[in-house]
Amino acid sequence: MARLKPKQLLIQSKTKKGPSRISYSSIITWKLIVVLVVLSLYATYRHWHHRPAFEAEMDLPRAEVH
């Protein structure tokens, strides 16, 4: 790392720095990750919510279900 002189360091610290730009590829990647997580949670909910209905349709007594 280059050493800055005190005057240059003062000038550098006073300059306003804008927010860093987020690339489009990172936005798309994070959106896909969020969508996949939401879909997997929804699929899990549907599976466990409708499970007793599937067991009732098979007409198996509770003792035979392993």
N, C-alpha and C. Protein backbone atom coordinates (compact mmCIF):
# COMPACT_ATOMS: atom_id res chain seq x y z
N MET A 1 0.85 -1.17 0.00
CA MET A 1 0.00 0.00 0.00
C MET A 1 0.90 1.24 0.00
N ALA A 2 0.59 2.16 -0.87
CA ALA A 2 1.41 3.37 -0.98
C ALA A 2 1.13 4.30 0.19
N ARG A 3 2.16 4.94 0.65
CA ARG A 3 2.01 5.89 1.76
C ARG A 3 1.59 7.23 1.19
N LEU A 4 0.57 7.83 1.77
CA LEU A 4 0.10 9.13 1.33
C LEU A 4 0.63 10.21 2.27
N LYS A 5 0.92 11.32 1.70
CA LYS A 5 1.36 12.46 2.52
C LYS A 5 0.14 12.99 3.27
N PRO A 6 0.33 13.63 4.41
CA PRO A 6 -0.80 14.11 5.19
C PRO A 6 -1.75 15.01 4.42
N LYS A 7 -1.24 15.87 3.55
CA LYS A 7 -2.12 16.77 2.78
C LYS A 7 -2.99 15.96 1.81
N GLN A 8 -2.38 15.00 1.13
CA GLN A 8 -3.14 14.16 0.20
C GLN A 8 -4.16 13.31 0.94
N LEU A 9 -3.80 12.85 2.11
CA LEU A 9 -4.71 12.04 2.91
C LEU A 9 -5.92 12.87 3.33
N LEU A 10 -5.71 14.13 3.69
CA LEU A 10 -6.80 15.01 4.06
C LEU A 10 -7.72 15.27 2.89
N ILE A 11 -7.13 15.49 1.71
CA ILE A 11 -7.94 15.72 0.51
C ILE A 11 -8.74 14.48 0.16
N GLN A 12 -8.11 13.31 0.28
CA GLN A 12 -8.79 12.05 -0.05
C GLN A 12 -9.94 11.78 0.91
N SER A 13 -9.76 12.11 2.18
CA SER A 13 -10.81 11.82 3.15
C SER A 13 -12.00 12.76 3.00
N LYS A 14 -11.78 13.94 2.40
CA LYS A 14 -12.87 14.89 2.24
C LYS A 14 -13.70 14.63 0.99
N THR A 15 -13.17 13.88 0.05
CA THR A 15 -13.92 13.62 -1.18
C THR A 15 -15.08 12.68 -0.86
N LYS A 16 -16.24 12.99 -1.43
CA LYS A 16 -17.43 12.18 -1.21
C LYS A 16 -17.34 10.93 -2.09
N LYS A 17 -17.63 9.81 -1.49
CA LYS A 17 -17.64 8.56 -2.24
C LYS A 17 -19.08 8.10 -2.36
N GLY A 18 -19.49 7.83 -3.59
CA GLY A 18 -20.84 7.35 -3.83
C GLY A 18 -20.97 5.89 -3.46
N PRO A 19 -22.18 5.41 -3.39
CA PRO A 19 -22.37 3.99 -3.08
C PRO A 19 -21.82 3.12 -4.21
N SER A 20 -21.30 1.98 -3.84
CA SER A 20 -20.74 1.09 -4.86
C SER A 20 -21.87 0.53 -5.71
N ARG A 21 -21.58 0.38 -6.96
CA ARG A 21 -22.59 -0.08 -7.91
C ARG A 21 -22.72 -1.59 -7.84
N ILE A 22 -23.96 -2.07 -7.80
CA ILE A 22 -24.22 -3.51 -7.75
C ILE A 22 -24.45 -3.99 -9.18
N SER A 23 -23.76 -5.03 -9.55
CA SER A 23 -23.87 -5.53 -10.93
C SER A 23 -25.20 -6.24 -11.15
N TYR A 24 -25.62 -6.23 -12.40
CA TYR A 24 -26.88 -6.89 -12.76
C TYR A 24 -26.82 -8.39 -12.54
N SER A 25 -25.66 -8.97 -12.78
CA SER A 25 -25.55 -10.42 -12.61
C SER A 25 -25.74 -10.82 -11.14
N SER A 26 -25.24 -10.00 -10.21
CA SER A 26 -25.44 -10.34 -8.80
C SER A 26 -26.91 -10.16 -8.40
N ILE A 27 -27.57 -9.16 -8.95
CA ILE A 27 -29.01 -8.97 -8.66
C ILE A 27 -29.81 -10.16 -9.16
N ILE A 28 -29.54 -10.59 -10.38
CA ILE A 28 -30.26 -11.73 -10.96
C ILE A 28 -29.96 -13.01 -10.18
N THR A 29 -28.70 -13.20 -9.79
CA THR A 29 -28.33 -14.40 -9.02
C THR A 29 -29.07 -14.44 -7.70
N TRP A 30 -29.10 -13.33 -6.96
CA TRP A 30 -29.78 -13.30 -5.67
C TRP A 30 -31.28 -13.46 -5.82
N LYS A 31 -31.87 -12.91 -6.89
CA LYS A 31 -33.30 -13.10 -7.13
C LYS A 31 -33.62 -14.57 -7.37
N LEU A 32 -32.77 -15.24 -8.16
CA LEU A 32 -32.99 -16.67 -8.41
C LEU A 32 -32.87 -17.48 -7.13
N ILE A 33 -31.91 -17.15 -6.29
CA ILE A 33 -31.75 -17.86 -5.03
C ILE A 33 -32.98 -17.67 -4.15
N VAL A 34 -33.48 -16.45 -4.08
CA VAL A 34 -34.68 -16.17 -3.26
C VAL A 34 -35.88 -16.92 -3.81
N VAL A 35 -36.05 -16.92 -5.11
CA VAL A 35 -37.19 -17.62 -5.72
C VAL A 35 -37.10 -19.12 -5.45
N LEU A 36 -35.91 -19.70 -5.56
CA LEU A 36 -35.76 -21.13 -5.29
C LEU A 36 -36.05 -21.47 -3.84
N VAL A 37 -35.63 -20.63 -2.91
CA VAL A 37 -35.91 -20.87 -1.50
C VAL A 37 -37.40 -20.78 -1.22
N VAL A 38 -38.06 -19.78 -1.78
CA VAL A 38 -39.51 -19.62 -1.57
C VAL A 38 -40.27 -20.81 -2.16
N LEU A 39 -39.89 -21.23 -3.36
CA LEU A 39 -40.58 -22.37 -3.98
C LEU A 39 -40.36 -23.66 -3.20
N SER A 40 -39.16 -23.86 -2.67
CA SER A 40 -38.92 -25.07 -1.89
C SER A 40 -39.70 -25.05 -0.58
N LEU A 41 -39.78 -23.88 0.06
CA LEU A 41 -40.59 -23.79 1.28
C LEU A 41 -42.07 -24.05 0.99
N TYR A 42 -42.57 -23.53 -0.13
CA TYR A 42 -43.97 -23.75 -0.50
C TYR A 42 -44.23 -25.22 -0.80
N ALA A 43 -43.31 -25.86 -1.52
CA ALA A 43 -43.47 -27.27 -1.83
C ALA A 43 -43.44 -28.12 -0.56
N THR A 44 -42.58 -27.78 0.38
CA THR A 44 -42.51 -28.49 1.65
C THR A 44 -43.80 -28.32 2.44
N TYR A 45 -44.32 -27.10 2.46
CA TYR A 45 -45.59 -26.84 3.15
C TYR A 45 -46.71 -27.65 2.53
N ARG A 46 -46.82 -27.65 1.21
CA ARG A 46 -47.89 -28.41 0.55
C ARG A 46 -47.77 -29.90 0.84
N HIS A 47 -46.53 -30.41 0.83
CA HIS A 47 -46.32 -31.84 1.07
C HIS A 47 -46.79 -32.22 2.48
N TRP A 48 -46.37 -31.48 3.49
CA TRP A 48 -46.70 -31.83 4.86
C TRP A 48 -48.13 -31.46 5.21
N HIS A 49 -48.70 -30.48 4.55
CA HIS A 49 -50.08 -30.08 4.83
C HIS A 49 -51.08 -31.10 4.29
N HIS A 50 -50.79 -31.67 3.14
CA HIS A 50 -51.72 -32.61 2.50
C HIS A 50 -51.40 -34.07 2.80
N ARG A 51 -50.41 -34.34 3.62
CA ARG A 51 -50.01 -35.72 3.88
C ARG A 51 -51.10 -36.57 4.55
N PRO A 52 -51.83 -36.08 5.56
CA PRO A 52 -52.89 -36.91 6.14
C PRO A 52 -53.98 -37.28 5.13
N ALA A 53 -54.23 -36.42 4.16
CA ALA A 53 -55.24 -36.73 3.15
C ALA A 53 -54.78 -37.91 2.29
N PHE A 54 -53.50 -37.98 1.97
CA PHE A 54 -52.99 -39.10 1.18
C PHE A 54 -53.11 -40.41 1.95
N GLU A 55 -52.83 -40.41 3.24
CA GLU A 55 -52.94 -41.62 4.04
C GLU A 55 -54.39 -42.08 4.14
N ALA A 56 -55.33 -41.15 4.22
CA ALA A 56 -56.74 -41.50 4.31
C ALA A 56 -57.22 -42.08 2.99
N GLU A 57 -56.71 -41.61 1.86
CA GLU A 57 -57.12 -42.13 0.56
C GLU A 57 -56.65 -43.57 0.37
N MET A 58 -55.55 -43.96 0.97
CA MET A 58 -55.02 -45.30 0.80
C MET A 58 -55.79 -46.31 1.64
N ASP A 59 -56.62 -45.87 2.57
CA ASP A 59 -57.44 -46.74 3.43
C ASP A 59 -56.59 -47.74 4.21
N LEU A 60 -55.44 -47.32 4.69
CA LEU A 60 -54.62 -48.19 5.52
C LEU A 60 -54.82 -47.82 6.97
N PRO A 61 -54.97 -48.82 7.82
CA PRO A 61 -55.05 -48.50 9.25
C PRO A 61 -53.73 -47.90 9.72
N ARG A 62 -53.79 -47.18 10.80
CA ARG A 62 -52.59 -46.51 11.32
C ARG A 62 -51.50 -47.51 11.70
N ALA A 63 -51.86 -48.70 12.14
CA ALA A 63 -50.89 -49.68 12.60
C ALA A 63 -50.03 -50.20 11.44
N GLU A 64 -50.58 -50.22 10.22
CA GLU A 64 -49.85 -50.76 9.09
C GLU A 64 -48.94 -49.73 8.42
N VAL A 65 -49.11 -48.48 8.75
CA VAL A 65 -48.28 -47.44 8.13
C VAL A 65 -46.95 -47.38 8.86
N HIS A 66 -45.88 -47.57 8.13
CA HIS A 66 -44.54 -47.56 8.74
C HIS A 66 -43.83 -46.31 8.37
